[in-house]
């Protein structure tokens, strides 16, 4: 049951991240002039992060351009990988936490059976 909840949350999160979030970002985020200010420690850390993110963005753009150029190979491989995920369906809904012996025991008290002809009605 919990594994199903986590699975559904991840699937819908993925769907939203591929549909709604980019659309909203396109409308909400306006382009603006890039300012190179590094006032203080936090400003330098922000500038460092932005430069690293820009490098990652350029790398990602290059990879996407390459994959688009070899799409006749990429698309079938991608679709095959998506289809391979279907092999995980038999494990769908199983608990993902292993059972653990924590030294506890369960007790279910029961009374002794009553002898014949002495049982209350």
PDB file of N, CA and C in Angstrom:
ATOM      1  N   UNK A   1       0.815  -1.219   0.000  1.00  0.00           N
ATOM      2  CA  UNK A   1       0.000   0.000   0.000  1.00  0.00           C
ATOM      3  C   UNK A   1       0.851   1.273   0.000  1.00  0.00           C
ATOM      4  N   UNK A   2       1.880   1.309   0.823  1.00  0.00           N
ATOM      5  CA  UNK A   2       2.710   2.510   0.843  1.00  0.00           C
ATOM      6  C   UNK A   2       3.527   2.613  -0.433  1.00  0.00           C
ATOM      7  N   UNK A   3       3.960   1.477  -0.949  1.00  0.00           N
ATOM      8  CA  UNK A   3       4.721   1.484  -2.195  1.00  0.00           C
ATOM      9  C   UNK A   3       3.862   2.030  -3.333  1.00  0.00           C
ATOM     10  N   UNK A   4       2.579   1.690  -3.334  1.00  0.00           N
ATOM     11  CA  UNK A   4       1.691   2.220  -4.368  1.00  0.00           C
ATOM     12  C   UNK A   4       1.548   3.732  -4.239  1.00  0.00           C
ATOM     13  N   UNK A   5       1.432   4.215  -3.021  1.00  0.00           N
ATOM     14  CA  UNK A   5       1.321   5.663  -2.804  1.00  0.00           C
ATOM     15  C   UNK A   5       2.548   6.385  -3.319  1.00  0.00           C
ATOM     16  N   UNK A   6       3.711   5.850  -2.998  1.00  0.00           N
ATOM     17  CA  UNK A   6       4.955   6.469  -3.451  1.00  0.00           C
ATOM     18  C   UNK A   6       5.044   6.404  -4.969  1.00  0.00           C
ATOM     19  N   UNK A   7       4.647   5.272  -5.549  1.00  0.00           N
ATOM     20  CA  UNK A   7       4.707   5.117  -7.008  1.00  0.00           C
ATOM     21  C   UNK A   7       3.778   6.111  -7.698  1.00  0.00           C
ATOM     22  N   UNK A   8       2.543   6.235  -7.206  1.00  0.00           N
ATOM     23  CA  UNK A   8       1.609   7.184  -7.812  1.00  0.00           C
ATOM     24  C   UNK A   8       2.105   8.612  -7.650  1.00  0.00           C
ATOM     25  N   UNK A   9       2.659   8.941  -6.489  1.00  0.00           N
ATOM     26  CA  UNK A   9       3.186  10.287  -6.283  1.00  0.00           C
ATOM     27  C   UNK A   9       4.317  10.580  -7.257  1.00  0.00           C
ATOM     28  N   UNK A  10       5.190   9.612  -7.484  1.00  0.00           N
ATOM     29  CA  UNK A  10       6.311   9.824  -8.400  1.00  0.00           C
ATOM     30  C   UNK A  10       5.827   9.936  -9.842  1.00  0.00           C
ATOM     31  N   UNK A  11       4.850   9.120 -10.235  1.00  0.00           N
ATOM     32  CA  UNK A  11       4.333   9.181 -11.608  1.00  0.00           C
ATOM     33  C   UNK A  11       3.680  10.529 -11.869  1.00  0.00           C
ATOM     34  N   UNK A  12       2.838  10.993 -10.946  1.00  0.00           N
ATOM     35  CA  UNK A  12       2.165  12.265 -11.167  1.00  0.00           C
ATOM     36  C   UNK A  12       3.139  13.429 -11.060  1.00  0.00           C
ATOM     37  N   UNK A  13       4.136  13.297 -10.213  1.00  0.00           N
ATOM     38  CA  UNK A  13       5.167  14.329 -10.154  1.00  0.00           C
ATOM     39  C   UNK A  13       5.910  14.408 -11.482  1.00  0.00           C
ATOM     40  N   UNK A  14       6.225  13.260 -12.059  1.00  0.00           N
ATOM     41  CA  UNK A  14       6.895  13.236 -13.362  1.00  0.00           C
ATOM     42  C   UNK A  14       6.016  13.867 -14.432  1.00  0.00           C
ATOM     43  N   UNK A  15       4.734  13.510 -14.446  1.00  0.00           N
ATOM     44  CA  UNK A  15       3.832  14.066 -15.449  1.00  0.00           C
ATOM     45  C   UNK A  15       3.711  15.584 -15.314  1.00  0.00           C
ATOM     46  N   UNK A  16       3.589  16.064 -14.089  1.00  0.00           N
ATOM     47  CA  UNK A  16       3.511  17.514 -13.886  1.00  0.00           C
ATOM     48  C   UNK A  16       4.806  18.197 -14.287  1.00  0.00           C
ATOM     49  N   UNK A  17       5.941  17.557 -13.984  1.00  0.00           N
ATOM     50  CA  UNK A  17       7.221  18.186 -14.314  1.00  0.00           C
ATOM     51  C   UNK A  17       7.457  18.254 -15.822  1.00  0.00           C
ATOM     52  N   UNK A  18       6.784  17.408 -16.580  1.00  0.00           N
ATOM     53  CA  UNK A  18       6.949  17.407 -18.038  1.00  0.00           C
ATOM     54  C   UNK A  18       5.868  18.190 -18.765  1.00  0.00           C
ATOM     55  N   UNK A  19       4.789  18.553 -18.077  1.00  0.00           N
ATOM     56  CA  UNK A  19       3.686  19.238 -18.751  1.00  0.00           C
ATOM     57  C   UNK A  19       3.408  20.604 -18.149  1.00  0.00           C
ATOM     58  N   UNK A  20       2.917  20.637 -16.941  1.00  0.00           N
ATOM     59  CA  UNK A  20       2.455  21.880 -16.337  1.00  0.00           C
ATOM     60  C   UNK A  20       3.588  22.820 -15.958  1.00  0.00           C
ATOM     61  N   UNK A  21       4.631  22.289 -15.341  1.00  0.00           N
ATOM     62  CA  UNK A  21       5.715  23.151 -14.854  1.00  0.00           C
ATOM     63  C   UNK A  21       6.412  23.916 -15.982  1.00  0.00           C
ATOM     64  N   UNK A  22       6.804  23.281 -17.097  1.00  0.00           N
ATOM     65  CA  UNK A  22       7.416  24.077 -18.172  1.00  0.00           C
ATOM     66  C   UNK A  22       6.484  25.137 -18.742  1.00  0.00           C
ATOM     67  N   UNK A  23       5.199  24.802 -18.846  1.00  0.00           N
ATOM     68  CA  UNK A  23       4.249  25.779 -19.375  1.00  0.00           C
ATOM     69  C   UNK A  23       4.137  26.983 -18.455  1.00  0.00           C
ATOM     70  N   UNK A  24       4.003  26.721 -17.155  1.00  0.00           N
ATOM     71  CA  UNK A  24       3.918  27.829 -16.204  1.00  0.00           C
ATOM     72  C   UNK A  24       5.215  28.623 -16.163  1.00  0.00           C
ATOM     73  N   UNK A  25       6.344  27.932 -16.244  1.00  0.00           N
ATOM     74  CA  UNK A  25       7.625  28.634 -16.229  1.00  0.00           C
ATOM     75  C   UNK A  25       7.760  29.553 -17.431  1.00  0.00           C
ATOM     76  N   UNK A  26       7.268  29.111 -18.582  1.00  0.00           N
ATOM     77  CA  UNK A  26       7.351  29.938 -19.776  1.00  0.00           C
ATOM     78  C   UNK A  26       6.567  31.237 -19.583  1.00  0.00           C
ATOM     79  N   UNK A  27       5.407  31.153 -18.942  1.00  0.00           N
ATOM     80  CA  UNK A  27       4.584  32.339 -18.752  1.00  0.00           C
ATOM     81  C   UNK A  27       5.043  33.201 -17.579  1.00  0.00           C
ATOM     82  N   UNK A  28       5.564  32.570 -16.526  1.00  0.00           N
ATOM     83  CA  UNK A  28       5.886  33.316 -15.313  1.00  0.00           C
ATOM     84  C   UNK A  28       7.290  33.895 -15.299  1.00  0.00           C
ATOM     85  N   UNK A  29       8.224  33.235 -15.952  1.00  0.00           N
ATOM     86  CA  UNK A  29       9.609  33.695 -15.907  1.00  0.00           C
ATOM     87  C   UNK A  29       9.894  34.592 -17.099  1.00  0.00           C
ATOM     88  N   UNK A  30      10.184  35.806 -16.830  1.00  0.00           N
ATOM     89  CA  UNK A  30      10.512  36.769 -17.894  1.00  0.00           C
ATOM     90  C   UNK A  30      12.027  36.768 -18.094  1.00  0.00           C
ATOM     91  N   UNK A  31      12.449  37.013 -19.313  1.00  0.00           N
ATOM     92  CA  UNK A  31      13.883  37.133 -19.555  1.00  0.00           C
ATOM     93  C   UNK A  31      14.347  38.467 -18.986  1.00  0.00           C
ATOM     94  N   UNK A  32      15.540  38.493 -18.452  1.00  0.00           N
ATOM     95  CA  UNK A  32      16.086  39.704 -17.868  1.00  0.00           C
ATOM     96  C   UNK A  32      17.587  39.752 -18.116  1.00  0.00           C
ATOM     97  N   UNK A  33      18.125  40.945 -18.016  1.00  0.00           N
ATOM     98  CA  UNK A  33      19.567  41.127 -18.244  1.00  0.00           C
ATOM     99  C   UNK A  33      20.335  40.412 -17.144  1.00  0.00           C
ATOM    100  N   UNK A  34      21.382  39.739 -17.522  1.00  0.00           N
ATOM    101  CA  UNK A  34      22.199  39.002 -16.564  1.00  0.00           C
ATOM    102  C   UNK A  34      23.202  39.951 -15.925  1.00  0.00           C
ATOM    103  N   UNK A  35      23.135  40.055 -14.626  1.00  0.00           N
ATOM    104  CA  UNK A  35      24.036  40.953 -13.903  1.00  0.00           C
ATOM    105  C   UNK A  35      25.119  40.135 -13.221  1.00  0.00           C
ATOM    106  N   UNK A  36      26.345  40.549 -13.360  1.00  0.00           N
ATOM    107  CA  UNK A  36      27.479  39.861 -12.750  1.00  0.00           C
ATOM    108  C   UNK A  36      27.889  40.607 -11.479  1.00  0.00           C
ATOM    109  N   UNK A  37      27.110  40.496 -10.424  1.00  0.00           N
ATOM    110  CA  UNK A  37      27.480  41.143  -9.163  1.00  0.00           C
ATOM    111  C   UNK A  37      27.865  40.067  -8.163  1.00  0.00           C
ATOM    112  N   UNK A  38      28.973  40.255  -7.525  1.00  0.00           N
ATOM    113  CA  UNK A  38      29.466  39.287  -6.548  1.00  0.00           C
ATOM    114  C   UNK A  38      29.759  40.006  -5.239  1.00  0.00           C
ATOM    115  N   UNK A  39      28.769  40.698  -4.706  1.00  0.00           N
ATOM    116  CA  UNK A  39      28.960  41.433  -3.463  1.00  0.00           C
ATOM    117  C   UNK A  39      28.900  40.471  -2.288  1.00  0.00           C
ATOM    118  N   UNK A  40      29.983  40.330  -1.597  1.00  0.00           N
ATOM    119  CA  UNK A  40      30.025  39.482  -0.409  1.00  0.00           C
ATOM    120  C   UNK A  40      30.128  37.998  -0.739  1.00  0.00           C
ATOM    121  N   UNK A  41      30.143  37.226   0.328  1.00  0.00           N
ATOM    122  CA  UNK A  41      30.308  35.777   0.210  1.00  0.00           C
ATOM    123  C   UNK A  41      29.130  35.143  -0.507  1.00  0.00           C
ATOM    124  N   UNK A  42      27.902  35.522  -0.117  1.00  0.00           N
ATOM    125  CA  UNK A  42      26.727  34.909  -0.741  1.00  0.00           C
ATOM    126  C   UNK A  42      26.623  35.281  -2.212  1.00  0.00           C
ATOM    127  N   UNK A  43      27.003  36.504  -2.560  1.00  0.00           N
ATOM    128  CA  UNK A  43      26.989  36.905  -3.967  1.00  0.00           C
ATOM    129  C   UNK A  43      27.970  36.090  -4.784  1.00  0.00           C
ATOM    130  N   UNK A  44      29.156  35.835  -4.223  1.00  0.00           N
ATOM    131  CA  UNK A  44      30.144  35.008  -4.929  1.00  0.00           C
ATOM    132  C   UNK A  44      29.652  33.564  -5.063  1.00  0.00           C
ATOM    133  N   UNK A  45      28.984  33.058  -4.011  1.00  0.00           N
ATOM    134  CA  UNK A  45      28.453  31.695  -4.084  1.00  0.00           C
ATOM    135  C   UNK A  45      27.359  31.603  -5.140  1.00  0.00           C
ATOM    136  N   UNK A  46      26.505  32.630  -5.226  1.00  0.00           N
ATOM    137  CA  UNK A  46      25.456  32.632  -6.241  1.00  0.00           C
ATOM    138  C   UNK A  46      26.060  32.686  -7.638  1.00  0.00           C
ATOM    139  N   UNK A  47      27.076  33.516  -7.806  1.00  0.00           N
ATOM    140  CA  UNK A  47      27.741  33.631  -9.100  1.00  0.00           C
ATOM    141  C   UNK A  47      28.405  32.306  -9.483  1.00  0.00           C
ATOM    142  N   UNK A  48      29.032  31.652  -8.515  1.00  0.00           N
ATOM    143  CA  UNK A  48      29.653  30.345  -8.744  1.00  0.00           C
ATOM    144  C   UNK A  48      28.597  29.324  -9.169  1.00  0.00           C
ATOM    145  N   UNK A  49      27.464  29.327  -8.469  1.00  0.00           N
ATOM    146  CA  UNK A  49      26.392  28.398  -8.809  1.00  0.00           C
ATOM    147  C   UNK A  49      25.859  28.687 -10.218  1.00  0.00           C
ATOM    148  N   UNK A  50      25.624  29.953 -10.529  1.00  0.00           N
ATOM    149  CA  UNK A  50      25.089  30.304 -11.848  1.00  0.00           C
ATOM    150  C   UNK A  50      26.051  29.937 -12.969  1.00  0.00           C
ATOM    151  N   UNK A  51      27.353  30.127 -12.744  1.00  0.00           N
ATOM    152  CA  UNK A  51      28.342  29.740 -13.764  1.00  0.00           C
ATOM    153  C   UNK A  51      28.354  28.232 -13.962  1.00  0.00           C
ATOM    154  N   UNK A  52      28.280  27.486 -12.868  1.00  0.00           N
ATOM    155  CA  UNK A  52      28.222  26.024 -12.967  1.00  0.00           C
ATOM    156  C   UNK A  52      26.965  25.560 -13.672  1.00  0.00           C
ATOM    157  N   UNK A  53      25.852  26.215 -13.349  1.00  0.00           N
ATOM    158  CA  UNK A  53      24.595  25.849 -13.998  1.00  0.00           C
ATOM    159  C   UNK A  53      24.635  26.175 -15.486  1.00  0.00           C
ATOM    160  N   UNK A  54      25.271  27.289 -15.844  1.00  0.00           N
ATOM    161  CA  UNK A  54      25.404  27.647 -17.259  1.00  0.00           C
ATOM    162  C   UNK A  54      26.236  26.616 -18.011  1.00  0.00           C
ATOM    163  N   UNK A  55      27.322  26.133 -17.385  1.00  0.00           N
ATOM    164  CA  UNK A  55      28.131  25.079 -18.016  1.00  0.00           C
ATOM    165  C   UNK A  55      27.304  23.810 -18.202  1.00  0.00           C
ATOM    166  N   UNK A  56      26.536  23.449 -17.169  1.00  0.00           N
ATOM    167  CA  UNK A  56      25.687  22.265 -17.260  1.00  0.00           C
ATOM    168  C   UNK A  56      24.638  22.446 -18.364  1.00  0.00           C
ATOM    169  N   UNK A  57      24.082  23.633 -18.473  1.00  0.00           N
ATOM    170  CA  UNK A  57      23.092  23.917 -19.510  1.00  0.00           C
ATOM    171  C   UNK A  57      23.699  23.792 -20.909  1.00  0.00           C
ATOM    172  N   UNK A  58      24.915  24.305 -21.079  1.00  0.00           N
ATOM    173  CA  UNK A  58      25.579  24.177 -22.383  1.00  0.00           C
ATOM    174  C   UNK A  58      25.852  22.712 -22.715  1.00  0.00           C
ATOM    175  N   UNK A  59      26.295  21.945 -21.728  1.00  0.00           N
ATOM    176  CA  UNK A  59      26.550  20.516 -21.930  1.00  0.00           C
ATOM    177  C   UNK A  59      25.257  19.798 -22.305  1.00  0.00           C
ATOM    178  N   UNK A  60      24.189  20.092 -21.582  1.00  0.00           N
ATOM    179  CA  UNK A  60      22.893  19.467 -21.846  1.00  0.00           C
ATOM    180  C   UNK A  60      22.400  19.830 -23.246  1.00  0.00           C
ATOM    181  N   UNK A  61      22.561  21.083 -23.636  1.00  0.00           N
ATOM    182  CA  UNK A  61      22.156  21.504 -24.977  1.00  0.00           C
ATOM    183  C   UNK A  61      22.944  20.767 -26.044  1.00  0.00           C
ATOM    184  N   UNK A  62      24.239  20.584 -25.810  1.00  0.00           N
ATOM    185  CA  UNK A  62      25.058  19.839 -26.759  1.00  0.00           C
ATOM    186  C   UNK A  62      24.616  18.393 -26.883  1.00  0.00           C
ATOM    187  N   UNK A  63      24.303  17.775 -25.754  1.00  0.00           N
ATOM    188  CA  UNK A  63      23.836  16.385 -25.780  1.00  0.00           C
ATOM    189  C   UNK A  63      22.513  16.292 -26.531  1.00  0.00           C
ATOM    190  N   UNK A  64      21.595  17.225 -26.268  1.00  0.00           N
ATOM    191  CA  UNK A  64      20.313  17.201 -26.973  1.00  0.00           C
ATOM    192  C   UNK A  64      20.492  17.399 -28.470  1.00  0.00           C
ATOM    193  N   UNK A  65      21.374  18.307 -28.863  1.00  0.00           N
ATOM    194  CA  UNK A  65      21.611  18.522 -30.287  1.00  0.00           C
ATOM    195  C   UNK A  65      22.180  17.262 -30.939  1.00  0.00           C
ATOM    196  N   UNK A  66      23.068  16.585 -30.236  1.00  0.00           N
ATOM    197  CA  UNK A  66      23.634  15.342 -30.763  1.00  0.00           C
ATOM    198  C   UNK A  66      22.542  14.276 -30.906  1.00  0.00           C
ATOM    199  N   UNK A  67      21.696  14.134 -29.870  1.00  0.00           N
ATOM    200  CA  UNK A  67      20.642  13.125 -29.926  1.00  0.00           C
ATOM    201  C   UNK A  67      19.638  13.419 -31.031  1.00  0.00           C
ATOM    202  N   UNK A  68      19.381  14.701 -31.273  1.00  0.00           N
ATOM    203  CA  UNK A  68      18.485  15.056 -32.375  1.00  0.00           C
ATOM    204  C   UNK A  68      19.125  14.701 -33.711  1.00  0.00           C
ATOM    205  N   UNK A  69      20.438  14.849 -33.803  1.00  0.00           N
ATOM    206  CA  UNK A  69      21.111  14.530 -35.064  1.00  0.00           C
ATOM    207  C   UNK A  69      21.136  13.029 -35.348  1.00  0.00           C
ATOM    208  N   UNK A  70      21.058  12.202 -34.307  1.00  0.00           N
ATOM    209  CA  UNK A  70      21.039  10.739 -34.488  1.00  0.00           C
ATOM    210  C   UNK A  70      19.693  10.169 -34.040  1.00  0.00           C
ATOM    211  N   UNK A  71      18.614  10.875 -34.326  1.00  0.00           N
ATOM    212  CA  UNK A  71      17.299  10.486 -33.820  1.00  0.00           C
ATOM    213  C   UNK A  71      16.842   9.135 -34.339  1.00  0.00           C
ATOM    214  N   UNK A  72      17.319   8.711 -35.508  1.00  0.00           N
ATOM    215  CA  UNK A  72      16.906   7.405 -36.028  1.00  0.00           C
ATOM    216  C   UNK A  72      17.433   6.273 -35.160  1.00  0.00           C
ATOM    217  N   UNK A  73      18.472   6.538 -34.403  1.00  0.00           N
ATOM    218  CA  UNK A  73      18.993   5.552 -33.457  1.00  0.00           C
ATOM    219  C   UNK A  73      18.424   5.818 -32.073  1.00  0.00           C
ATOM    220  N   UNK A  74      18.365   7.081 -31.703  1.00  0.00           N
ATOM    221  CA  UNK A  74      17.964   7.432 -30.345  1.00  0.00           C
ATOM    222  C   UNK A  74      16.508   7.075 -30.050  1.00  0.00           C
ATOM    223  N   UNK A  75      15.597   7.399 -30.954  1.00  0.00           N
ATOM    224  CA  UNK A  75      14.173   7.185 -30.694  1.00  0.00           C
ATOM    225  C   UNK A  75      13.858   5.714 -30.449  1.00  0.00           C
ATOM    226  N   UNK A  76      14.329   4.772 -31.290  1.00  0.00           N
ATOM    227  CA  UNK A  76      14.043   3.359 -30.979  1.00  0.00           C
ATOM    228  C   UNK A  76      14.673   2.896 -29.664  1.00  0.00           C
ATOM    229  N   UNK A  77      15.881   3.360 -29.382  1.00  0.00           N
ATOM    230  CA  UNK A  77      16.527   2.970 -28.121  1.00  0.00           C
ATOM    231  C   UNK A  77      15.740   3.523 -26.939  1.00  0.00           C
ATOM    232  N   UNK A  78      15.305   4.766 -27.030  1.00  0.00           N
ATOM    233  CA  UNK A  78      14.519   5.377 -25.961  1.00  0.00           C
ATOM    234  C   UNK A  78      13.207   4.641 -25.761  1.00  0.00           C
ATOM    235  N   UNK A  79      12.505   4.329 -26.857  1.00  0.00           N
ATOM    236  CA  UNK A  79      11.242   3.610 -26.749  1.00  0.00           C
ATOM    237  C   UNK A  79      11.446   2.199 -26.195  1.00  0.00           C
ATOM    238  N   UNK A  80      12.548   1.560 -26.563  1.00  0.00           N
ATOM    239  CA  UNK A  80      12.850   0.231 -26.011  1.00  0.00           C
ATOM    240  C   UNK A  80      13.107   0.315 -24.516  1.00  0.00           C
ATOM    241  N   UNK A  81      13.794   1.360 -24.086  1.00  0.00           N
ATOM    242  CA  UNK A  81      14.044   1.537 -22.656  1.00  0.00           C
ATOM    243  C   UNK A  81      12.735   1.790 -21.915  1.00  0.00           C
ATOM    244  N   UNK A  82      11.847   2.566 -22.517  1.00  0.00           N
ATOM    245  CA  UNK A  82      10.534   2.801 -21.893  1.00  0.00           C
ATOM    246  C   UNK A  82       9.742   1.499 -21.812  1.00  0.00           C
ATOM    247  N   UNK A  83       9.815   0.693 -22.864  1.00  0.00           N
ATOM    248  CA  UNK A  83       9.106  -0.585 -22.862  1.00  0.00           C
ATOM    249  C   UNK A  83       9.708  -1.541 -21.835  1.00  0.00           C
ATOM    250  N   UNK A  84      11.017  -1.449 -21.626  1.00  0.00           N
ATOM    251  CA  UNK A  84      11.673  -2.319 -20.644  1.00  0.00           C
ATOM    252  C   UNK A  84      11.182  -2.031 -19.229  1.00  0.00           C
ATOM    253  N   UNK A  85      10.736  -0.812 -19.002  1.00  0.00           N
ATOM    254  CA  UNK A  85      10.200  -0.473 -17.690  1.00  0.00           C
ATOM    255  C   UNK A  85       8.954  -1.308 -17.401  1.00  0.00           C
ATOM    256  N   UNK A  86       8.257  -1.715 -18.447  1.00  0.00           N
ATOM    257  CA  UNK A  86       7.067  -2.545 -18.268  1.00  0.00           C
ATOM    258  C   UNK A  86       7.416  -3.881 -17.618  1.00  0.00           C
ATOM    259  N   UNK A  87       8.665  -4.286 -17.692  1.00  0.00           N
ATOM    260  CA  UNK A  87       9.080  -5.532 -17.046  1.00  0.00           C
ATOM    261  C   UNK A  87       9.003  -5.429 -15.525  1.00  0.00           C
ATOM    262  N   UNK A  88       8.900  -4.203 -15.006  1.00  0.00           N
ATOM    263  CA  UNK A  88       8.811  -4.016 -13.555  1.00  0.00           C
ATOM    264  C   UNK A  88       7.384  -4.154 -13.037  1.00  0.00           C
ATOM    265  N   UNK A  89       6.415  -4.301 -13.921  1.00  0.00           N
ATOM    266  CA  UNK A  89       5.010  -4.368 -13.514  1.00  0.00           C
ATOM    267  C   UNK A  89       4.739  -5.496 -12.522  1.00  0.00           C
ATOM    268  N   UNK A  90       5.341  -6.685 -12.631  1.00  0.00           N
ATOM    269  CA  UNK A  90       5.052  -7.727 -11.638  1.00  0.00           C
ATOM    270  C   UNK A  90       5.393  -7.317 -10.204  1.00  0.00           C
ATOM    271  N   UNK A  91       6.298  -6.404 -10.030  1.00  0.00           N
ATOM    272  CA  UNK A  91       6.680  -5.978  -8.687  1.00  0.00           C
ATOM    273  C   UNK A  91       5.907  -4.749  -8.229  1.00  0.00           C
ATOM    274  N   UNK A  92       5.027  -4.258  -9.048  1.00  0.00           N
ATOM    275  CA  UNK A  92       4.250  -3.076  -8.727  1.00  0.00           C
ATOM    276  C   UNK A  92       3.314  -3.370  -7.560  1.00  0.00           C
ATOM    277  N   UNK A  93       3.340  -2.522  -6.572  1.00  0.00           N
ATOM    278  CA  UNK A  93       2.459  -2.682  -5.424  1.00  0.00           C
ATOM    279  C   UNK A  93       3.038  -3.500  -4.291  1.00  0.00           C
ATOM    280  N   UNK A  94       4.205  -4.066  -4.469  1.00  0.00           N
ATOM    281  CA  UNK A  94       4.820  -4.806  -3.371  1.00  0.00           C
ATOM    282  C   UNK A  94       5.441  -3.834  -2.395  1.00  0.00           C
ATOM    283  N   UNK A  95       5.549  -4.285  -1.153  1.00  0.00           N
ATOM    284  CA  UNK A  95       6.213  -3.457  -0.157  1.00  0.00           C
ATOM    285  C   UNK A  95       7.686  -3.359  -0.500  1.00  0.00           C
ATOM    286  N   UNK A  96       8.225  -2.175  -0.353  1.00  0.00           N
ATOM    287  CA  UNK A  96       9.637  -2.011  -0.666  1.00  0.00           C
ATOM    288  C   UNK A  96      10.486  -1.977   0.584  1.00  0.00           C
ATOM    289  N   UNK A  97       9.865  -2.113   1.764  1.00  0.00           N
ATOM    290  CA  UNK A  97      10.643  -2.242   2.993  1.00  0.00           C
ATOM    291  C   UNK A  97      10.760  -3.731   3.309  1.00  0.00           C
ATOM    292  N   UNK A  98      11.966  -4.221   3.531  1.00  0.00           N
ATOM    293  CA  UNK A  98      12.104  -5.645   3.852  1.00  0.00           C
ATOM    294  C   UNK A  98      11.549  -5.929   5.244  1.00  0.00           C
ATOM    295  N   UNK A  99      11.074  -7.152   5.429  1.00  0.00           N
ATOM    296  CA  UNK A  99      10.588  -7.513   6.755  1.00  0.00           C
ATOM    297  C   UNK A  99      11.780  -7.617   7.688  1.00  0.00           C
ATOM    298  N   UNK A 100      11.587  -7.135   8.897  1.00  0.00           N
ATOM    299  CA  UNK A 100      12.694  -7.117   9.861  1.00  0.00           C
ATOM    300  C   UNK A 100      12.246  -7.797  11.145  1.00  0.00           C
ATOM    301  N   UNK A 101      13.128  -8.593  11.697  1.00  0.00           N
ATOM    302  CA  UNK A 101      12.864  -9.222  12.989  1.00  0.00           C
ATOM    303  C   UNK A 101      13.408  -8.288  14.054  1.00  0.00           C
ATOM    304  N   UNK A 102      12.504  -7.563  14.709  1.00  0.00           N
ATOM    305  CA  UNK A 102      12.951  -6.591  15.710  1.00  0.00           C
ATOM    306  C   UNK A 102      12.876  -7.154  17.115  1.00  0.00           C
ATOM    307  N   UNK A 103      12.684  -8.454  17.254  1.00  0.00           N
ATOM    308  CA  UNK A 103      12.679  -9.082  18.569  1.00  0.00           C
ATOM    309  C   UNK A 103      11.323  -8.984  19.255  1.00  0.00           C
ATOM    310  N   UNK A 104      10.318  -8.486  18.588  1.00  0.00           N
ATOM    311  CA  UNK A 104       8.993  -8.397  19.171  1.00  0.00           C
ATOM    312  C   UNK A 104       8.225  -9.677  18.877  1.00  0.00           C
ATOM    313  N   UNK A 105       7.259  -9.941  19.694  1.00  0.00           N
ATOM    314  CA  UNK A 105       6.401 -11.090  19.439  1.00  0.00           C
ATOM    315  C   UNK A 105       4.953 -10.674  19.652  1.00  0.00           C
ATOM    316  N   UNK A 106       4.070 -11.410  19.013  1.00  0.00           N
ATOM    317  CA  UNK A 106       2.644 -11.131  19.136  1.00  0.00           C
ATOM    318  C   UNK A 106       2.021 -12.174  20.045  1.00  0.00           C
ATOM    319  N   UNK A 107       1.094 -11.711  20.840  1.00  0.00           N
ATOM    320  CA  UNK A 107       0.407 -12.614  21.751  1.00  0.00           C
ATOM    321  C   UNK A 107      -1.091 -12.487  21.512  1.00  0.00           C
ATOM    322  N   UNK A 108      -1.752 -13.609  21.369  1.00  0.00           N
ATOM    323  CA  UNK A 108      -3.206 -13.649  21.215  1.00  0.00           C
ATOM    324  C   UNK A 108      -3.753 -14.602  22.274  1.00  0.00           C
ATOM    325  N   UNK A 109      -4.130 -14.054  23.431  1.00  0.00           N
ATOM    326  CA  UNK A 109      -4.585 -14.951  24.506  1.00  0.00           C
ATOM    327  C   UNK A 109      -5.898 -15.641  24.145  1.00  0.00           C
ATOM    328  N   UNK A 110      -5.974 -16.912  24.460  1.00  0.00           N
ATOM    329  CA  UNK A 110      -7.181 -17.704  24.230  1.00  0.00           C
ATOM    330  C   UNK A 110      -7.467 -18.509  25.483  1.00  0.00           C
ATOM    331  N   UNK A 111      -8.732 -18.758  25.722  1.00  0.00           N
ATOM    332  CA  UNK A 111      -9.088 -19.574  26.902  1.00  0.00           C
ATOM    333  C   UNK A 111      -9.043 -21.050  26.515  1.00  0.00           C
ATOM    334  N   UNK A 112      -8.898 -21.865  27.530  1.00  0.00           N
ATOM    335  CA  UNK A 112      -8.874 -23.308  27.287  1.00  0.00           C
ATOM    336  C   UNK A 112     -10.282 -23.764  26.890  1.00  0.00           C
ATOM    337  N   UNK A 113     -10.367 -24.764  26.025  1.00  0.00           N
ATOM    338  CA  UNK A 113     -11.701 -25.235  25.657  1.00  0.00           C
ATOM    339  C   UNK A 113     -12.406 -25.853  26.862  1.00  0.00           C
ATOM    340  N   UNK A 114     -13.700 -25.658  26.962  1.00  0.00           N
ATOM    341  CA  UNK A 114     -14.416 -26.202  28.107  1.00  0.00           C
ATOM    342  C   UNK A 114     -14.777 -27.662  27.849  1.00  0.00           C
ATOM    343  N   UNK A 115     -14.821 -28.452  28.899  1.00  0.00           N
ATOM    344  CA  UNK A 115     -15.141 -29.873  28.721  1.00  0.00           C
ATOM    345  C   UNK A 115     -16.605 -30.021  28.275  1.00  0.00           C
ATOM    346  N   UNK A 116     -16.907 -31.148  27.625  1.00  0.00           N
ATOM    347  CA  UNK A 116     -18.283 -31.367  27.175  1.00  0.00           C
ATOM    348  C   UNK A 116     -19.262 -31.345  28.358  1.00  0.00           C
ATOM    349  N   UNK A 117     -20.451 -30.904  28.150  1.00  0.00           N
ATOM    350  CA  UNK A 117     -21.556 -30.801  29.097  1.00  0.00           C
ATOM    351  C   UNK A 117     -21.322 -29.772  30.189  1.00  0.00           C
ATOM    352  N   UNK A 118     -20.220 -28.998  30.155  1.00  0.00           N
ATOM    353  CA  UNK A 118     -19.988 -27.959  31.148  1.00  0.00           C
ATOM    354  C   UNK A 118     -19.877 -26.580  30.514  1.00  0.00           C
ATOM    355  N   UNK A 119     -20.086 -26.474  29.264  1.00  0.00           N
ATOM    356  CA  UNK A 119     -19.971 -25.192  28.579  1.00  0.00           C
ATOM    357  C   UNK A 119     -21.237 -24.378  28.808  1.00  0.00           C
ATOM    358  N   UNK A 120     -21.064 -23.080  29.065  1.00  0.00           N
ATOM    359  CA  UNK A 120     -22.260 -22.229  29.209  1.00  0.00           C
ATOM    360  C   UNK A 120     -22.980 -22.100  27.874  1.00  0.00           C
ATOM    361  N   UNK A 121     -24.289 -21.909  27.919  1.00  0.00           N
ATOM    362  CA  UNK A 121     -25.041 -21.849  26.653  1.00  0.00           C
ATOM    363  C   UNK A 121     -24.722 -20.649  25.814  1.00  0.00           C
TER     364      UNK A 121
END
